[in-house]
C-alpha atoms as a PDB file:
ATOM      1  CA  UNK A   1     -12.696 -14.744   2.646  1.00  0.00           C
ATOM      2  CA  UNK A   2      -9.271 -16.076   1.819  1.00  0.00           C
ATOM      3  CA  UNK A   3      -8.552 -16.790  -2.063  1.00  0.00           C
ATOM      4  CA  UNK A   4      -6.157 -18.364  -3.992  1.00  0.00           C
ATOM      5  CA  UNK A   5      -4.282 -16.579  -6.798  1.00  0.00           C
ATOM      6  CA  UNK A   6      -1.626 -19.011  -7.374  1.00  0.00           C
ATOM      7  CA  UNK A   7      -0.352 -22.464  -5.786  1.00  0.00           C
ATOM      8  CA  UNK A   8       1.844 -20.539  -3.097  1.00  0.00           C
ATOM      9  CA  UNK A   9      -0.174 -17.241  -3.193  1.00  0.00           C
ATOM     10  CA  UNK A  10      -3.534 -16.352  -0.946  1.00  0.00           C
ATOM     11  CA  UNK A  11      -4.774 -13.604  -0.098  1.00  0.00           C
ATOM     12  CA  UNK A  12      -7.763 -11.838   1.634  1.00  0.00           C
ATOM     13  CA  UNK A  13      -9.688  -8.871  -0.695  1.00  0.00           C
ATOM     14  CA  UNK A  14      -9.786  -5.365   0.355  1.00  0.00           C
ATOM     15  CA  UNK A  15     -12.999  -3.995   2.371  1.00  0.00           C
ATOM     16  CA  UNK A  16     -12.953  -0.197   1.352  1.00  0.00           C
ATOM     17  CA  UNK A  17     -15.899   0.449   4.038  1.00  0.00           C
ATOM     18  CA  UNK A  18     -13.295  -0.021   6.949  1.00  0.00           C
ATOM     19  CA  UNK A  19     -10.315   0.840   5.039  1.00  0.00           C
ATOM     20  CA  UNK A  20      -8.805  -2.661   4.914  1.00  0.00           C
ATOM     21  CA  UNK A  21      -6.140  -3.283   2.382  1.00  0.00           C
ATOM     22  CA  UNK A  22      -5.444  -6.789   0.707  1.00  0.00           C
ATOM     23  CA  UNK A  23      -3.878  -9.025   2.934  1.00  0.00           C
ATOM     24  CA  UNK A  24      -1.351 -11.500   1.445  1.00  0.00           C
ATOM     25  CA  UNK A  25       0.684 -14.920   2.249  1.00  0.00           C
ATOM     26  CA  UNK A  26       3.110 -16.643   0.461  1.00  0.00           C
ATOM     27  CA  UNK A  27       3.305 -20.265   1.551  1.00  0.00           C
ATOM     28  CA  UNK A  28       6.858 -21.606   1.539  1.00  0.00           C
ATOM     29  CA  UNK A  29       8.065 -25.041   2.522  1.00  0.00           C
ATOM     30  CA  UNK A  30       9.569 -23.715   5.618  1.00  0.00           C
ATOM     31  CA  UNK A  31       7.920 -20.688   6.599  1.00  0.00           C
ATOM     32  CA  UNK A  32       4.715 -18.414   5.653  1.00  0.00           C
ATOM     33  CA  UNK A  33       5.240 -14.545   4.757  1.00  0.00           C
ATOM     34  CA  UNK A  34       2.463 -12.765   5.493  1.00  0.00           C
ATOM     35  CA  UNK A  35       2.387  -9.179   3.583  1.00  0.00           C
ATOM     36  CA  UNK A  36       1.074  -6.532   5.644  1.00  0.00           C
ATOM     37  CA  UNK A  37      -0.254  -6.965   9.091  1.00  0.00           C
ATOM     38  CA  UNK A  38      -3.864  -5.550   8.674  1.00  0.00           C
ATOM     39  CA  UNK A  39      -5.502  -2.640  10.329  1.00  0.00           C
ATOM     40  CA  UNK A  40      -6.586  -4.272  13.442  1.00  0.00           C
ATOM     41  CA  UNK A  41      -6.269  -7.534  15.652  1.00  0.00           C
ATOM     42  CA  UNK A  42      -9.664  -8.582  14.180  1.00  0.00           C
ATOM     43  CA  UNK A  43      -8.622  -8.104  10.434  1.00  0.00           C
ATOM     44  CA  UNK A  44      -5.342 -10.198  10.940  1.00  0.00           C
ATOM     45  CA  UNK A  45      -7.367 -12.690  12.910  1.00  0.00           C
ATOM     46  CA  UNK A  46      -9.589 -13.296  10.122  1.00  0.00           C
ATOM     47  CA  UNK A  47      -7.063 -13.850   7.360  1.00  0.00           C
ATOM     48  CA  UNK A  48      -4.387 -15.751   9.613  1.00  0.00           C
ATOM     49  CA  UNK A  49      -6.910 -18.298  11.022  1.00  0.00           C
ATOM     50  CA  UNK A  50      -8.054 -18.992   7.373  1.00  0.00           C
ATOM     51  CA  UNK A  51      -4.494 -19.704   6.429  1.00  0.00           C
ATOM     52  CA  UNK A  52      -4.081 -21.911   9.546  1.00  0.00           C
ATOM     53  CA  UNK A  53      -7.278 -23.825   8.582  1.00  0.00           C
ATOM     54  CA  UNK A  54      -5.903 -24.474   4.884  1.00  0.00           C
ATOM     55  CA  UNK A  55      -2.065 -25.078   5.382  1.00  0.00           C
ATOM     56  CA  UNK A  56       0.077 -26.973   7.848  1.00  0.00           C
ATOM     57  CA  UNK A  57       1.535 -24.930  10.519  1.00  0.00           C
ATOM     58  CA  UNK A  58       4.721 -23.134   9.917  1.00  0.00           C
ATOM     59  CA  UNK A  59       6.822 -20.341  11.524  1.00  0.00           C
ATOM     60  CA  UNK A  60       5.727 -17.234   9.728  1.00  0.00           C
ATOM     61  CA  UNK A  61       7.118 -13.839   9.345  1.00  0.00           C
ATOM     62  CA  UNK A  62       5.133 -10.535   8.591  1.00  0.00           C
ATOM     63  CA  UNK A  63       6.854  -7.815   6.313  1.00  0.00           C
ATOM     64  CA  UNK A  64       5.017  -4.268   6.009  1.00  0.00           C
ATOM     65  CA  UNK A  65       4.607  -2.583   3.045  1.00  0.00           C
ATOM     66  CA  UNK A  66       4.536   0.806   4.621  1.00  0.00           C
ATOM     67  CA  UNK A  67       3.838   2.227   8.191  1.00  0.00           C
ATOM     68  CA  UNK A  68       0.183   3.484   7.720  1.00  0.00           C
ATOM     69  CA  UNK A  69      -2.618   2.411  10.530  1.00  0.00           C
ATOM     70  CA  UNK A  70      -4.400  -0.036   7.922  1.00  0.00           C
ATOM     71  CA  UNK A  71      -1.278  -1.941   7.054  1.00  0.00           C
ATOM     72  CA  UNK A  72       0.482  -2.138  10.442  1.00  0.00           C
ATOM     73  CA  UNK A  73      -2.061  -1.955  13.360  1.00  0.00           C
ATOM     74  CA  UNK A  74      -3.041  -5.968  13.019  1.00  0.00           C
ATOM     75  CA  UNK A  75       1.031  -6.697  14.117  1.00  0.00           C
ATOM     76  CA  UNK A  76       0.201  -7.184  17.572  1.00  0.00           C
ATOM     77  CA  UNK A  77      -2.166 -10.352  16.609  1.00  0.00           C
ATOM     78  CA  UNK A  78       0.884 -12.975  16.822  1.00  0.00           C
ATOM     79  CA  UNK A  79       3.974 -11.718  18.149  1.00  0.00           C
ATOM     80  CA  UNK A  80       5.386 -15.309  17.213  1.00  0.00           C
ATOM     81  CA  UNK A  81       5.537 -13.720  13.631  1.00  0.00           C
ATOM     82  CA  UNK A  82       8.778 -11.834  13.484  1.00  0.00           C
ATOM     83  CA  UNK A  83       7.809  -7.996  11.890  1.00  0.00           C
ATOM     84  CA  UNK A  84       9.989  -6.904   9.036  1.00  0.00           C
ATOM     85  CA  UNK A  85      10.124  -3.650   7.847  1.00  0.00           C
ATOM     86  CA  UNK A  86      12.357  -0.636   6.724  1.00  0.00           C
ATOM     87  CA  UNK A  87      14.394   1.348   9.029  1.00  0.00           C
ATOM     88  CA  UNK A  88      11.977   4.432   7.777  1.00  0.00           C
ATOM     89  CA  UNK A  89       8.870   2.238   8.610  1.00  0.00           C
ATOM     90  CA  UNK A  90      10.277   1.686  12.245  1.00  0.00           C
ATOM     91  CA  UNK A  91      10.963   5.481  12.639  1.00  0.00           C
ATOM     92  CA  UNK A  92       7.600   6.233  11.494  1.00  0.00           C
ATOM     93  CA  UNK A  93       5.942   3.774  13.871  1.00  0.00           C
ATOM     94  CA  UNK A  94       7.743   4.702  16.726  1.00  0.00           C
ATOM     95  CA  UNK A  95       6.074   7.993  17.811  1.00  0.00           C
ATOM     96  CA  UNK A  96       2.753   6.381  17.681  1.00  0.00           C
ATOM     97  CA  UNK A  97       3.625   3.581  20.599  1.00  0.00           C
ATOM     98  CA  UNK A  98       1.399   4.093  23.487  1.00  0.00           C
ATOM     99  CA  UNK A  99      -0.462   6.586  21.954  1.00  0.00           C
ATOM    100  CA  UNK A 100      -4.246   7.389  22.898  1.00  0.00           C
ATOM    101  CA  UNK A 101      -6.650   5.857  20.285  1.00  0.00           C
ATOM    102  CA  UNK A 102     -10.124   6.986  21.959  1.00  0.00           C
ATOM    103  CA  UNK A 103     -12.316   8.919  19.926  1.00  0.00           C
ATOM    104  CA  UNK A 104     -11.675  11.969  22.008  1.00  0.00           C
ATOM    105  CA  UNK A 105      -7.531  11.544  21.464  1.00  0.00           C
ATOM    106  CA  UNK A 106      -8.186  11.032  17.545  1.00  0.00           C
ATOM    107  CA  UNK A 107     -10.118  14.030  17.604  1.00  0.00           C
ATOM    108  CA  UNK A 108      -7.643  16.235  19.086  1.00  0.00           C
ATOM    109  CA  UNK A 109      -4.897  14.839  17.035  1.00  0.00           C
ATOM    110  CA  UNK A 110      -6.742  15.763  14.159  1.00  0.00           C
ATOM    111  CA  UNK A 111      -7.442  19.422  15.447  1.00  0.00           C
ATOM    112  CA  UNK A 112      -3.413  19.561  16.049  1.00  0.00           C
ATOM    113  CA  UNK A 113      -2.727  18.508  12.472  1.00  0.00           C
ATOM    114  CA  UNK A 114      -0.982  15.353  13.524  1.00  0.00           C
ATOM    115  CA  UNK A 115      -3.623  13.178  12.196  1.00  0.00           C
ATOM    116  CA  UNK A 116      -6.069  13.201   9.394  1.00  0.00           C
ATOM    117  CA  UNK A 117      -9.774  12.943   9.525  1.00  0.00           C
ATOM    118  CA  UNK A 118      -9.638  10.430   6.546  1.00  0.00           C
ATOM    119  CA  UNK A 119      -7.919   7.945   8.942  1.00  0.00           C
ATOM    120  CA  UNK A 120      -9.364   8.780  12.133  1.00  0.00           C
ATOM    121  CA  UNK A 121     -12.605   8.478  10.634  1.00  0.00           C
ATOM    122  CA  UNK A 122     -11.951   4.951   9.394  1.00  0.00           C
ATOM    123  CA  UNK A 123     -10.317   3.801  12.811  1.00  0.00           C
ATOM    124  CA  UNK A 124     -13.579   4.699  14.639  1.00  0.00           C
ATOM    125  CA  UNK A 125     -15.534   2.389  11.812  1.00  0.00           C
ATOM    126  CA  UNK A 126     -12.981  -0.523  11.924  1.00  0.00           C
ATOM    127  CA  UNK A 127     -13.127  -0.475  15.739  1.00  0.00           C
ATOM    128  CA  UNK A 128     -16.663   0.246  16.247  1.00  0.00           C
ATOM    129  CA  UNK A 129     -18.301  -2.446  18.637  1.00  0.00           C
ATOM    130  CA  UNK A 130     -15.234  -3.577  19.967  1.00  0.00           C
ATOM    131  CA  UNK A 131     -12.808  -2.663  22.530  1.00  0.00           C
ATOM    132  CA  UNK A 132     -10.032  -0.581  20.936  1.00  0.00           C
ATOM    133  CA  UNK A 133      -7.243  -2.617  21.722  1.00  0.00           C
ATOM    134  CA  UNK A 134      -4.565  -0.944  19.695  1.00  0.00           C
ATOM    135  CA  UNK A 135      -1.063  -1.629  20.522  1.00  0.00           C
ATOM    136  CA  UNK A 136       1.671  -0.281  17.841  1.00  0.00           C
ATOM    137  CA  UNK A 137       4.293  -2.970  17.422  1.00  0.00           C
ATOM    138  CA  UNK A 138       7.691  -1.844  16.314  1.00  0.00           C
ATOM    139  CA  UNK A 139       9.537  -4.199  13.589  1.00  0.00           C
ATOM    140  CA  UNK A 140      11.672  -6.918  14.976  1.00  0.00           C
ATOM    141  CA  UNK A 141      14.054  -6.773  11.637  1.00  0.00           C
ATOM    142  CA  UNK A 142      14.908  -3.953   9.697  1.00  0.00           C
ATOM    143  CA  UNK A 143      16.526  -3.096   6.551  1.00  0.00           C
ATOM    144  CA  UNK A 144      17.328  -0.400   4.060  1.00  0.00           C
ATOM    145  CA  UNK A 145      17.054  -0.468   0.301  1.00  0.00           C
ATOM    146  CA  UNK A 146      16.214  -4.215  -0.630  1.00  0.00           C
ATOM    147  CA  UNK A 147      15.789  -7.455   1.313  1.00  0.00           C
ATOM    148  CA  UNK A 148      15.190 -11.105  -0.099  1.00  0.00           C
ATOM    149  CA  UNK A 149      13.410 -13.871   2.313  1.00  0.00           C
ATOM    150  CA  UNK A 150      13.716 -17.403   1.526  1.00  0.00           C
ATOM    151  CA  UNK A 151      10.615 -19.363   2.795  1.00  0.00           C
ATOM    152  CA  UNK A 152      11.468 -22.799   0.990  1.00  0.00           C
ATOM    153  CA  UNK A 153      10.707 -23.290  -2.487  1.00  0.00           C
ATOM    154  CA  UNK A 154       9.674 -19.684  -2.787  1.00  0.00           C
ATOM    155  CA  UNK A 155      10.859 -16.534  -2.008  1.00  0.00           C
ATOM    156  CA  UNK A 156      10.163 -12.627  -1.785  1.00  0.00           C
ATOM    157  CA  UNK A 157      12.456  -9.795  -2.999  1.00  0.00           C
ATOM    158  CA  UNK A 158      11.237  -6.547  -1.007  1.00  0.00           C
ATOM    159  CA  UNK A 159      12.750  -3.027  -2.404  1.00  0.00           C
ATOM    160  CA  UNK A 160      12.031   0.186  -0.583  1.00  0.00           C
ATOM    161  CA  UNK A 161      10.301   2.568  -3.524  1.00  0.00           C
ATOM    162  CA  UNK A 162       9.254   5.525  -1.419  1.00  0.00           C
ATOM    163  CA  UNK A 163       6.922   8.230  -3.246  1.00  0.00           C
ATOM    164  CA  UNK A 164       4.693  10.885  -2.171  1.00  0.00           C
ATOM    165  CA  UNK A 165       2.117   8.467  -0.452  1.00  0.00           C
ATOM    166  CA  UNK A 166       4.733   7.186   2.275  1.00  0.00           C
ATOM    167  CA  UNK A 167       8.372   7.852   2.104  1.00  0.00           C
ATOM    168  CA  UNK A 168       8.886   4.419   3.334  1.00  0.00           C
ATOM    169  CA  UNK A 169       6.808   2.494   0.612  1.00  0.00           C
ATOM    170  CA  UNK A 170       8.053  -0.766  -0.508  1.00  0.00           C
ATOM    171  CA  UNK A 171       7.108  -3.334  -3.276  1.00  0.00           C
ATOM    172  CA  UNK A 172       7.279  -6.909  -2.723  1.00  0.00           C
ATOM    173  CA  UNK A 173       8.027  -9.589  -5.664  1.00  0.00           C
ATOM    174  CA  UNK A 174       7.621 -13.345  -5.454  1.00  0.00           C
ATOM    175  CA  UNK A 175       9.497 -14.355  -8.763  1.00  0.00           C
ATOM    176  CA  UNK A 176       8.612 -18.211  -8.491  1.00  0.00           C
ATOM    177  CA  UNK A 177       4.579 -17.004  -8.655  1.00  0.00           C
ATOM    178  CA  UNK A 178       5.359 -14.194 -10.643  1.00  0.00           C
ATOM    179  CA  UNK A 179       3.362 -11.718  -8.309  1.00  0.00           C
ATOM    180  CA  UNK A 180       4.254  -8.292  -7.686  1.00  0.00           C
ATOM    181  CA  UNK A 181       2.576  -6.820  -4.423  1.00  0.00           C
ATOM    182  CA  UNK A 182       2.396  -3.081  -4.669  1.00  0.00           C
ATOM    183  CA  UNK A 183       0.868  -1.866  -1.448  1.00  0.00           C
ATOM    184  CA  UNK A 184       0.177   1.883  -2.096  1.00  0.00           C
ATOM    185  CA  UNK A 185       3.188   2.621  -3.521  1.00  0.00           C
ATOM    186  CA  UNK A 186       1.289   4.377  -6.856  1.00  0.00           C
ATOM    187  CA  UNK A 187      -0.970   6.041  -4.370  1.00  0.00           C
ATOM    188  CA  UNK A 188      -1.503   9.936  -3.772  1.00  0.00           C
ATOM    189  CA  UNK A 189      -0.147  11.881  -1.067  1.00  0.00           C
ATOM    190  CA  UNK A 190      -2.836  11.798   1.868  1.00  0.00           C
ATOM    191  CA  UNK A 191      -1.398  13.629   4.879  1.00  0.00           C
ATOM    192  CA  UNK A 192      -0.562  17.168   3.901  1.00  0.00           C
ATOM    193  CA  UNK A 193      -3.903  18.567   2.565  1.00  0.00           C
ATOM    194  CA  UNK A 194      -5.851  17.900  -0.643  1.00  0.00           C
ATOM    195  CA  UNK A 195      -4.383  14.376  -2.263  1.00  0.00           C
ATOM    196  CA  UNK A 196      -2.241  14.739  -5.314  1.00  0.00           C
ATOM    197  CA  UNK A 197       0.231  12.846  -7.189  1.00  0.00           C
ATOM    198  CA  UNK A 198       3.801  13.873  -8.566  1.00  0.00           C
ATOM    199  CA  UNK A 199       4.488  13.318 -12.011  1.00  0.00           C
ATOM    200  CA  UNK A 200       8.037  12.947 -12.004  1.00  0.00           C
ATOM    201  CA  UNK A 201       7.795  10.550  -8.808  1.00  0.00           C
ATOM    202  CA  UNK A 202       5.135   8.493 -10.529  1.00  0.00           C
ATOM    203  CA  UNK A 203       7.250   7.835 -13.736  1.00  0.00           C
ATOM    204  CA  UNK A 204      10.228   7.079 -11.477  1.00  0.00           C
ATOM    205  CA  UNK A 205       8.028   4.224  -9.290  1.00  0.00           C
ATOM    206  CA  UNK A 206       6.802   2.874 -12.819  1.00  0.00           C
ATOM    207  CA  UNK A 207      10.159   2.467 -13.877  1.00  0.00           C
ATOM    208  CA  UNK A 208      10.955   0.452 -10.828  1.00  0.00           C
ATOM    209  CA  UNK A 209       8.249  -1.498 -11.310  1.00  0.00           C
ATOM    210  CA  UNK A 210       9.113  -2.696 -14.838  1.00  0.00           C
ATOM    211  CA  UNK A 211      12.320  -4.149 -13.587  1.00  0.00           C
ATOM    212  CA  UNK A 212      10.085  -6.712 -11.988  1.00  0.00           C
ATOM    213  CA  UNK A 213       8.087  -9.160 -14.462  1.00  0.00           C
ATOM    214  CA  UNK A 214       5.061 -10.318 -13.221  1.00  0.00           C
ATOM    215  CA  UNK A 215       1.931 -11.908 -14.274  1.00  0.00           C
ATOM    216  CA  UNK A 216       0.034 -10.375 -11.430  1.00  0.00           C
ATOM    217  CA  UNK A 217      -0.153  -6.876  -9.809  1.00  0.00           C
ATOM    218  CA  UNK A 218      -1.660  -6.379  -6.473  1.00  0.00           C
ATOM    219  CA  UNK A 219      -2.785  -2.916  -5.286  1.00  0.00           C
ATOM    220  CA  UNK A 220      -3.724  -2.535  -1.695  1.00  0.00           C
ATOM    221  CA  UNK A 221      -6.999  -1.202  -2.221  1.00  0.00           C
ATOM    222  CA  UNK A 222      -7.957  -2.907  -5.449  1.00  0.00           C
ATOM    223  CA  UNK A 223      -7.958  -6.334  -6.487  1.00  0.00           C
ATOM    224  CA  UNK A 224      -5.285  -8.366  -7.958  1.00  0.00           C
ATOM    225  CA  UNK A 225      -4.871  -7.731 -11.852  1.00  0.00           C
ATOM    226  CA  UNK A 226      -3.211  -9.424 -14.864  1.00  0.00           C
ATOM    227  CA  UNK A 227      -0.339  -7.714 -16.631  1.00  0.00           C
ATOM    228  CA  UNK A 228      -2.562  -6.674 -19.477  1.00  0.00           C
ATOM    229  CA  UNK A 229      -5.288  -5.043 -17.102  1.00  0.00           C
ATOM    230  CA  UNK A 230      -2.352  -3.233 -15.018  1.00  0.00           C
ATOM    231  CA  UNK A 231      -0.307  -2.052 -17.687  1.00  0.00           C
ATOM    232  CA  UNK A 232      -3.559  -0.796 -19.705  1.00  0.00           C
ATOM    233  CA  UNK A 233      -4.185   1.637 -17.052  1.00  0.00           C
ATOM    234  CA  UNK A 234      -0.729   2.608 -15.745  1.00  0.00           C
ATOM    235  CA  UNK A 235       0.359   3.379 -19.330  1.00  0.00           C
ATOM    236  CA  UNK A 236      -2.474   5.780 -19.326  1.00  0.00           C
ATOM    237  CA  UNK A 237      -1.555   7.454 -16.123  1.00  0.00           C
ATOM    238  CA  UNK A 238       2.208   7.572 -17.258  1.00  0.00           C
ATOM    239  CA  UNK A 239       1.008   9.449 -20.466  1.00  0.00           C
ATOM    240  CA  UNK A 240      -0.721  11.924 -18.023  1.00  0.00           C
ATOM    241  CA  UNK A 241       2.507  12.332 -15.899  1.00  0.00           C
ATOM    242  CA  UNK A 242       4.555  12.909 -19.002  1.00  0.00           C
ATOM    243  CA  UNK A 243       2.062  15.619 -20.501  1.00  0.00           C
ATOM    244  CA  UNK A 244       2.124  17.212 -16.792  1.00  0.00           C
ATOM    245  CA  UNK A 245       5.597  17.557 -16.977  1.00  0.00           C
ATOM    246  CA  UNK A 246       5.547  18.755 -20.601  1.00  0.00           C
ATOM    247  CA  UNK A 247       2.641  21.369 -20.523  1.00  0.00           C
ATOM    248  CA  UNK A 248       3.549  22.574 -16.812  1.00  0.00           C
ATOM    249  CA  UNK A 249       0.329  24.068 -15.692  1.00  0.00           C
ATOM    250  CA  UNK A 250      -1.695  24.159 -18.777  1.00  0.00           C
ATOM    251  CA  UNK A 251      -4.837  22.448 -18.167  1.00  0.00           C
ATOM    252  CA  UNK A 252      -6.715  22.666 -21.386  1.00  0.00           C
ATOM    253  CA  UNK A 253      -3.582  21.303 -23.533  1.00  0.00           C
ATOM    254  CA  UNK A 254      -3.240  18.490 -21.341  1.00  0.00           C
ATOM    255  CA  UNK A 255      -6.904  17.396 -21.399  1.00  0.00           C
ATOM    256  CA  UNK A 256      -6.811  17.772 -25.282  1.00  0.00           C
ATOM    257  CA  UNK A 257      -3.447  15.777 -25.601  1.00  0.00           C
ATOM    258  CA  UNK A 258      -4.482  13.265 -23.249  1.00  0.00           C
ATOM    259  CA  UNK A 259      -7.748  12.490 -25.101  1.00  0.00           C
ATOM    260  CA  UNK A 260      -6.189  12.449 -28.091  1.00  0.00           C
ATOM    261  CA  UNK A 261      -3.402   9.934 -26.893  1.00  0.00           C
ATOM    262  CA  UNK A 262      -5.690   7.629 -24.950  1.00  0.00           C
ATOM    263  CA  UNK A 263      -8.103   7.451 -27.558  1.00  0.00           C
ATOM    264  CA  UNK A 264     -11.013   8.252 -25.526  1.00  0.00           C
ATOM    265  CA  UNK A 265     -13.181  11.050 -24.304  1.00  0.00           C
ATOM    266  CA  UNK A 266     -12.422  11.991 -20.738  1.00  0.00           C
ATOM    267  CA  UNK A 267     -14.526  11.085 -17.712  1.00  0.00           C
ATOM    268  CA  UNK A 268     -15.253  12.738 -14.512  1.00  0.00           C
ATOM    269  CA  UNK A 269     -12.159  10.380 -13.221  1.00  0.00           C
ATOM    270  CA  UNK A 270      -9.883  11.596 -15.660  1.00  0.00           C
ATOM    271  CA  UNK A 271     -10.225  14.893 -14.767  1.00  0.00           C
ATOM    272  CA  UNK A 272      -9.972  14.681 -11.307  1.00  0.00           C
ATOM    273  CA  UNK A 273      -6.840  12.624 -11.873  1.00  0.00           C
ATOM    274  CA  UNK A 274      -5.267  15.870 -13.949  1.00  0.00           C
ATOM    275  CA  UNK A 275      -6.287  18.164 -10.955  1.00  0.00           C
ATOM    276  CA  UNK A 276      -4.340  15.926  -8.524  1.00  0.00           C
ATOM    277  CA  UNK A 277      -1.407  15.591 -10.811  1.00  0.00           C
ATOM    278  CA  UNK A 278      -1.376  19.614 -11.016  1.00  0.00           C
ATOM    279  CA  UNK A 279      -1.654  20.350  -7.782  1.00  0.00           C
ATOM    280  CA  UNK A 280       1.429  17.971  -7.020  1.00  0.00           C
ATOM    281  CA  UNK A 281       3.487  19.957  -9.677  1.00  0.00           C
ATOM    282  CA  UNK A 282       2.379  23.106  -8.064  1.00  0.00           C
ATOM    283  CA  UNK A 283       3.418  22.174  -4.715  1.00  0.00           C
ATOM    284  CA  UNK A 284       6.404  20.093  -5.436  1.00  0.00           C
ATOM    285  CA  UNK A 285       7.987  21.982  -8.528  1.00  0.00           C
ATOM    286  CA  UNK A 286       6.458  25.474  -8.331  1.00  0.00           C
ATOM    287  CA  UNK A 287       6.504  26.682  -5.110  1.00  0.00           C
END
């Protein structure tokens, strides 16, 4: 189901049951820019047909926030839409071209350690009851660092930010609509064991985000939130990251000080976040 956030920005909400991220579209006077391609042809088709039904047909581009399957596997749906991504995204997708995506092949790659069970399980869920017609598409246009796309009366500024979730992670900013599409740039590392965050890296990314004034912030597996909502949550996590850097592995001190600074008792989710930040600290800075 497509929703309109602003005059020139529409989106399809995330669906956690099959790991579908939010898909966005910036509707320009001359062309449409789709933000992320979706996790399957079915996912891409649902959104793009909804956009086509509501807006006049225009040439389109598709920009990927990063290479992960749930953001890129829908790119084969419309090959007339040029695919834009970073050079790192191209390099990450290249080894996936031509792979077998059957259950047996996925299970074998999980056993070998080249795939993780989380992704394999959700690929099976998304493609249940349908032909597993997965064709990984390589970007047509690549860039490094930054790229601005002019769409006619509206634009999109893309910056490669990186991070522990994916080295190629980008954010996408629409200044005319004051929307910042964050992808999974604030997400944890997922591919090398238990999930973790890196405190210093998290703080670096947040400083990058602050350079883009926005009314709306969109993280791929959440819902669009206002600036007030976004910064309330992020500021709490920035406080946690700062405490992890300050107190290192002293978990009781971090718990005590974080609760005091944010003015509330810690919930189970807060304690899980502390553990994930501490794991990242041990893995990246204390090895």
